[in-house]
Amino acid sequence: MLVHWNQPARLAATIDAFRDQSVDVDLLVVDNDSTPEVRDALAVVAADVGVDVLVQDRNLGFGPAANVGFRRALAEHEGDWIALAPHDALPGQGTLAAMIDLVEAEERRSGTRIGLACADVGDGHLPVVDPYFGGMTVVAPDQTPAPPGGRWEPADYPHGTLLLARRACLLDIGLFDERYFAYCEEADLGLRASRAGWGVGLTRGVSVRNPTMRSGSPVVDYLMHRNTLLLVRDWSGRYHAGIRVLIALGQLGAGFVRPSPHQLAFSPRGRLLGIRDFLLGRFGPPPAGLFGEPAPDPTDVAQSAAVTVR
């Protein structure tokens, strides 16, 4: 199953990439309240490739939309793995099979059952969770080229560009926490999997591309800061979350004095509203007013694609 929002051409390319895998996949499109014109185009794409479409009545966000697909897959399919990716992610040929092979090899080597894995976006980084900064990526300790077939690397969480979730793991730990809407839910899921004894990691050298991803809207800044504070509070405690609030405010002031072109997102209003809503316990969708300042690219508020692998 694939989750989509207002990008039928990109979705069509993603569908083609998943249909070109060397393992069988069952595709289901979950549309995240696209415009009527886009839904019409999506219906044509779906009819061409023979997939079902579930139309949602609002933009659910990354985690809740993915959960729609997860629930359908868990109820109607018996495959061990469900793959999750944005609607514009492009896995290489053989990516899913290579990921599963690496997971199985690691399970035989370590004796630990793997619950979550992600593909390699080619940045040389590893997903980690910091007690103050939450989910982030750092330069991987091992920078040697991956051997043919790839290399398994343990990680704190799987990034959402292409994520494999084992059916038994999801049944054990549950699905995405829908308070997050988008951003940081993968980190929370990874921490829950690790706490329950499941292995989590990255398949180095097994590639996926996300060529159209860009960020920078008030919605992104809002979600990243609100959700990072939620993640830090829930997993590291209120003291760490309090320090993270001070860091965020300090970064906000520094951004006014010396703006950096390298910031993923910088919106004073979005950031302040994110901090405010965290302190007030307001989670779920971001304030509607932020979407007009300016409207985010559809790949900013992450939409997801879930693929059941037989």
Protein backbone atom coordinates (compact mmCIF):
# COMPACT_ATOMS: atom_id res chain seq x y z
CA MET A 1 0.00 0.00 0.00
CA LEU A 2 1.09 3.54 -0.84
CA VAL A 3 0.07 6.77 0.86
CA HIS A 4 -0.17 9.75 -1.45
CA TRP A 5 -0.92 13.48 -1.39
CA ASN A 6 -1.33 15.63 -4.50
CA GLN A 7 1.54 14.15 -6.54
CA PRO A 8 0.16 11.52 -8.96
CA ALA A 9 3.14 11.73 -11.36
CA ARG A 10 5.64 11.16 -8.56
CA LEU A 11 3.47 8.41 -7.17
CA ALA A 12 3.38 6.70 -10.56
CA ALA A 13 7.19 6.61 -10.62
CA THR A 14 7.24 5.22 -7.07
CA ILE A 15 4.72 2.54 -7.99
CA ASP A 16 6.87 1.56 -10.96
CA ALA A 17 9.96 1.33 -8.73
CA PHE A 18 8.20 -0.95 -6.24
CA ARG A 19 6.65 -3.09 -8.98
CA ASP A 20 10.15 -3.55 -10.42
CA GLN A 21 11.41 -5.30 -7.29
CA SER A 22 12.51 -8.92 -7.33
CA VAL A 23 10.04 -9.83 -4.57
CA ASP A 24 6.26 -9.83 -4.96
CA VAL A 25 4.46 -6.82 -3.51
CA ASP A 26 0.77 -6.06 -2.97
CA LEU A 27 0.03 -2.38 -3.60
CA LEU A 28 -2.72 -0.32 -1.97
CA VAL A 29 -2.89 3.47 -2.39
CA VAL A 30 -4.08 5.54 0.58
CA ASP A 31 -4.84 9.04 -0.67
CA ASN A 32 -4.35 11.71 1.99
CA ASP A 33 -7.18 14.05 0.91
CA SER A 34 -5.78 15.20 -2.44
CA THR A 35 -7.69 17.72 -4.56
CA PRO A 36 -10.52 16.37 -6.74
CA GLU A 37 -8.42 16.93 -9.87
CA VAL A 38 -5.52 14.99 -8.42
CA ARG A 39 -7.84 12.19 -7.31
CA ASP A 40 -9.07 11.86 -10.88
CA ALA A 41 -5.48 11.58 -12.11
CA LEU A 42 -4.74 9.11 -9.33
CA ALA A 43 -7.70 6.96 -10.39
CA VAL A 44 -6.20 6.70 -13.88
CA VAL A 45 -2.78 5.74 -12.47
CA ALA A 46 -4.36 3.16 -10.14
CA ALA A 47 -6.45 1.63 -12.93
CA ASP A 48 -3.40 1.32 -15.17
CA VAL A 49 -1.49 -0.75 -12.61
CA GLY A 50 -4.41 -2.46 -10.91
CA VAL A 51 -4.21 -1.12 -7.36
CA ASP A 52 -6.96 -0.16 -4.92
CA VAL A 53 -7.32 3.38 -3.56
CA LEU A 54 -8.47 4.37 -0.07
CA VAL A 55 -9.41 8.08 -0.05
CA GLN A 56 -9.10 9.85 3.29
CA ASP A 57 -11.31 12.83 4.14
CA ARG A 58 -8.43 14.96 5.48
CA ASN A 59 -4.64 15.16 5.45
CA LEU A 60 -3.83 12.72 8.22
CA GLY A 61 -0.06 13.34 8.25
CA PHE A 62 2.74 10.80 7.89
CA GLY A 63 2.19 8.56 10.90
CA PRO A 64 -1.61 8.36 10.91
CA ALA A 65 -1.73 7.81 7.14
CA ALA A 66 0.90 5.09 7.39
CA ASN A 67 -1.15 3.49 10.14
CA VAL A 68 -4.14 3.24 7.78
CA GLY A 69 -1.97 1.17 5.47
CA PHE A 70 -0.40 -0.83 8.28
CA ARG A 71 -3.82 -1.80 9.64
CA ARG A 72 -5.04 -2.93 6.24
CA ALA A 73 -1.86 -4.94 5.65
CA LEU A 74 -1.98 -6.57 9.08
CA ALA A 75 -5.64 -7.49 8.62
CA GLU A 76 -5.60 -8.73 5.03
CA HIS A 77 -2.07 -9.90 4.21
CA GLU A 78 0.19 -12.51 5.73
CA GLY A 79 3.62 -11.34 4.56
CA ASP A 80 6.33 -11.00 7.18
CA TRP A 81 7.33 -7.50 6.06
CA ILE A 82 5.62 -4.18 5.33
CA ALA A 83 7.69 -1.51 3.56
CA LEU A 84 7.07 2.19 4.18
CA ALA A 85 8.32 5.09 2.06
CA PRO A 86 7.32 8.59 0.88
CA HIS A 87 5.28 8.84 -2.30
CA ASP A 88 8.37 10.02 -4.19
CA ALA A 89 10.94 7.50 -2.91
CA LEU A 90 12.71 5.46 -5.59
CA PRO A 91 14.23 2.18 -4.38
CA GLY A 92 16.85 0.62 -6.61
CA GLN A 93 16.21 -2.66 -8.38
CA GLY A 94 16.45 -5.50 -5.87
CA THR A 95 16.43 -3.15 -2.87
CA LEU A 96 13.68 -4.93 -0.92
CA ALA A 97 15.18 -8.39 -1.48
CA ALA A 98 18.65 -7.15 -0.49
CA MET A 99 17.27 -5.56 2.68
CA ILE A 100 15.51 -8.76 3.69
CA ASP A 101 18.64 -10.83 2.93
CA LEU A 102 20.77 -8.58 5.15
CA VAL A 103 18.21 -8.72 7.96
CA GLU A 104 18.08 -12.52 7.83
CA ALA A 105 21.87 -12.79 7.74
CA GLU A 106 22.14 -10.51 10.77
CA GLU A 107 19.56 -12.56 12.63
CA ARG A 108 21.55 -15.73 11.99
CA ARG A 109 24.78 -14.02 13.07
CA SER A 110 23.51 -12.27 16.21
CA GLY A 111 20.55 -14.38 17.29
CA THR A 112 18.50 -11.15 17.62
CA ARG A 113 15.25 -10.89 15.71
CA ILE A 114 15.12 -7.73 13.61
CA GLY A 115 11.92 -5.72 13.81
CA LEU A 116 12.72 -2.54 11.84
CA ALA A 117 15.20 -1.72 9.08
CA CYS A 118 15.78 1.11 6.62
CA ALA A 119 17.55 1.49 3.30
CA ASP A 120 20.61 3.65 2.59
CA VAL A 121 20.04 7.19 1.25
CA GLY A 122 23.75 7.51 0.50
CA ASP A 123 24.64 10.26 2.98
CA GLY A 124 27.01 8.14 5.09
CA HIS A 125 24.96 8.91 8.21
CA LEU A 126 23.34 6.75 10.88
CA PRO A 127 20.00 7.50 12.64
CA VAL A 128 20.47 8.04 16.39
CA VAL A 129 18.38 9.45 19.24
CA ASP A 130 20.08 12.07 21.39
CA PRO A 131 18.72 12.68 24.93
CA TYR A 132 18.50 16.42 24.25
CA PHE A 133 18.12 16.71 20.47
CA GLY A 134 15.91 13.69 19.80
CA GLY A 135 15.98 11.89 16.47
CA MET A 136 18.88 12.93 14.28
CA THR A 137 21.58 11.47 12.06
CA VAL A 138 25.33 11.44 12.67
CA VAL A 139 28.28 10.41 10.54
CA ALA A 140 28.43 6.62 10.67
CA PRO A 141 31.46 5.24 12.55
CA ASP A 142 32.25 2.87 9.68
CA GLN A 143 32.82 4.84 6.48
CA THR A 144 34.30 1.96 4.49
CA PRO A 145 32.33 1.13 1.33
CA ALA A 146 29.68 -1.50 1.83
CA PRO A 147 30.50 -4.88 0.28
CA PRO A 148 28.40 -6.29 -2.58
CA GLY A 149 24.98 -7.03 -1.14
CA GLY A 150 25.32 -4.38 1.57
CA ARG A 151 26.17 -4.32 5.27
CA TRP A 152 23.98 -4.32 8.38
CA GLU A 153 24.50 -1.42 10.81
CA PRO A 154 22.55 -1.17 14.08
CA ALA A 155 20.73 2.15 14.52
CA ASP A 156 18.47 3.77 17.10
CA TYR A 157 15.64 4.10 14.62
CA PRO A 158 14.84 3.57 10.93
CA HIS A 159 14.44 6.69 8.81
CA GLY A 160 11.23 6.90 6.81
CA THR A 161 12.67 7.20 3.30
CA LEU A 162 12.31 3.42 3.01
CA LEU A 163 11.45 1.48 6.14
CA LEU A 164 10.84 -2.24 6.56
CA ALA A 165 8.65 -3.24 9.50
CA ARG A 166 8.20 -6.87 10.51
CA ARG A 167 4.59 -7.88 11.03
CA ALA A 168 5.35 -9.54 14.39
CA CYS A 169 7.15 -6.42 15.61
CA LEU A 170 4.21 -4.13 14.81
CA LEU A 171 1.81 -6.54 16.49
CA ASP A 172 4.09 -6.49 19.53
CA ILE A 173 4.83 -2.77 19.92
CA GLY A 174 1.96 -1.11 18.06
CA LEU A 175 1.96 1.39 15.19
CA PHE A 176 3.10 5.00 14.91
CA ASP A 177 2.15 7.35 17.75
CA GLU A 178 -0.35 9.63 15.99
CA ARG A 179 0.36 12.60 18.24
CA TYR A 180 3.41 13.33 16.08
CA PHE A 181 1.49 13.83 12.78
CA ALA A 182 4.85 14.02 10.93
CA TYR A 183 8.51 13.99 12.03
CA CYS A 184 10.00 12.03 14.94
CA GLU A 185 7.47 9.19 14.83
CA GLU A 186 10.10 6.86 13.35
CA ALA A 187 12.41 7.62 16.29
CA ASP A 188 9.64 6.83 18.78
CA LEU A 189 8.82 3.60 16.94
CA GLY A 190 12.49 2.56 16.90
CA LEU A 191 12.88 3.20 20.62
CA ARG A 192 9.76 1.17 21.37
CA ALA A 193 11.05 -1.70 19.24
CA SER A 194 14.44 -1.69 20.96
CA ARG A 195 12.84 -1.58 24.38
CA ALA A 196 10.80 -4.66 23.45
CA GLY A 197 13.94 -6.54 22.38
CA TRP A 198 13.72 -6.12 18.60
CA GLY A 199 16.77 -5.28 16.52
CA VAL A 200 16.75 -2.00 14.57
CA GLY A 201 19.20 -0.92 11.90
CA LEU A 202 20.21 0.35 8.46
CA THR A 203 21.15 -1.71 5.43
CA ARG A 204 24.27 0.15 4.26
CA GLY A 205 24.80 0.04 0.51
CA VAL A 206 21.20 -0.92 -0.30
CA SER A 207 19.95 2.27 -1.87
CA VAL A 208 16.84 4.39 -2.05
CA ARG A 209 16.58 7.87 -3.54
CA ASN A 210 14.23 10.70 -2.61
CA PRO A 211 15.12 13.23 -5.33
CA THR A 212 12.32 15.73 -4.75
CA MET A 213 12.61 16.22 -0.99
CA ARG A 214 12.95 19.80 0.20
CA SER A 215 12.10 21.58 3.42
CA GLY A 216 11.84 25.06 4.87
CA SER A 217 8.19 25.85 5.66
CA PRO A 218 6.72 27.08 8.96
CA VAL A 219 4.90 23.74 9.19
CA VAL A 220 8.23 21.89 9.13
CA ASP A 221 9.78 24.09 11.83
CA TYR A 222 6.65 23.77 13.95
CA LEU A 223 6.49 19.98 13.71
CA MET A 224 10.22 19.39 14.15
CA HIS A 225 10.39 21.42 17.36
CA ARG A 226 7.09 20.38 18.90
CA ASN A 227 7.70 16.72 18.17
CA THR A 228 11.35 16.74 19.21
CA LEU A 229 10.28 18.13 22.57
CA LEU A 230 7.62 15.42 22.87
CA LEU A 231 10.13 12.69 22.02
CA VAL A 232 12.74 14.04 24.44
CA ARG A 233 10.23 14.39 27.27
CA ASP A 234 8.78 10.92 26.80
CA TRP A 235 12.12 9.12 26.47
CA SER A 236 14.61 11.26 28.43
CA GLY A 237 12.46 13.11 30.94
CA ARG A 238 11.19 16.60 31.73
CA TYR A 239 14.61 17.95 32.69
CA HIS A 240 16.02 17.16 29.26
CA ALA A 241 12.92 18.59 27.60
CA GLY A 242 13.30 21.80 29.61
CA ILE A 243 16.90 22.16 28.48
CA ARG A 244 15.79 21.47 24.90
CA VAL A 245 13.26 24.32 25.13
CA LEU A 246 16.05 26.69 26.18
CA ILE A 247 18.25 25.45 23.33
CA ALA A 248 15.42 26.01 20.84
CA LEU A 249 14.86 29.55 22.09
CA GLY A 250 18.60 30.24 21.93
CA GLN A 251 18.74 28.95 18.36
CA LEU A 252 15.77 31.13 17.50
CA GLY A 253 17.57 34.22 18.76
CA ALA A 254 20.75 33.25 16.91
CA GLY A 255 18.73 32.77 13.75
CA PHE A 256 17.57 36.37 13.90
CA VAL A 257 21.09 37.68 14.46
CA ARG A 258 22.88 35.47 11.94
CA PRO A 259 20.56 33.45 9.67
CA SER A 260 22.13 30.28 8.31
CA PRO A 261 21.37 29.07 4.78
CA HIS A 262 22.05 25.52 5.97
CA GLN A 263 19.14 25.34 8.41
CA LEU A 264 16.62 22.67 7.45
CA ALA A 265 13.80 25.00 8.44
CA PHE A 266 13.65 28.41 10.09
CA SER A 267 10.33 30.04 10.85
CA PRO A 268 10.17 32.13 14.03
CA ARG A 269 6.38 31.87 14.20
CA GLY A 270 6.36 28.16 13.44
CA ARG A 271 9.03 27.46 16.04
CA LEU A 272 7.38 29.53 18.77
CA LEU A 273 3.99 27.93 18.10
CA GLY A 274 5.63 24.51 18.23
CA ILE A 275 7.16 25.23 21.62
CA ARG A 276 3.90 26.74 22.88
CA ASP A 277 1.80 23.78 21.77
CA PHE A 278 4.23 21.32 23.34
CA LEU A 279 3.97 23.16 26.65
CA LEU A 280 0.16 23.19 26.34
CA GLY A 281 0.02 19.50 25.39
CA ARG A 282 -1.41 20.17 21.92
CA PHE A 283 -0.41 17.49 19.43
CA GLY A 284 -1.71 16.02 16.18
CA PRO A 285 -2.15 18.26 13.09
CA PRO A 286 -0.35 21.63 13.07
CA PRO A 287 -2.38 24.87 13.25
CA ALA A 288 -4.19 25.40 9.96
CA GLY A 289 -2.90 28.96 9.68
CA LEU A 290 0.67 27.79 9.22
CA PHE A 291 -0.17 26.20 5.88
CA GLY A 292 -0.56 29.63 4.31
CA GLU A 293 2.91 30.94 5.21
CA PRO A 294 3.76 29.69 2.54
CA ALA A 295 2.19 26.33 1.74
CA PRO A 296 4.70 23.50 2.21
CA ASP A 297 5.86 21.28 -0.60
CA PRO A 298 3.84 18.04 -0.43
CA THR A 299 6.99 16.13 0.52
CA ASP A 300 7.66 18.45 3.49
CA VAL A 301 4.74 17.22 5.56
CA ALA A 302 5.79 13.67 4.94
CA GLN A 303 3.34 11.48 3.16
CA SER A 304 4.12 7.81 3.27
CA ALA A 305 3.89 4.67 1.20
CA ALA A 306 3.47 1.23 2.70
CA VAL A 307 4.10 -1.87 0.65
CA THR A 308 3.21 -5.35 1.84
CA VAL A 309 6.00 -7.75 0.84
CA ARG A 310 4.87 -11.33 0.39
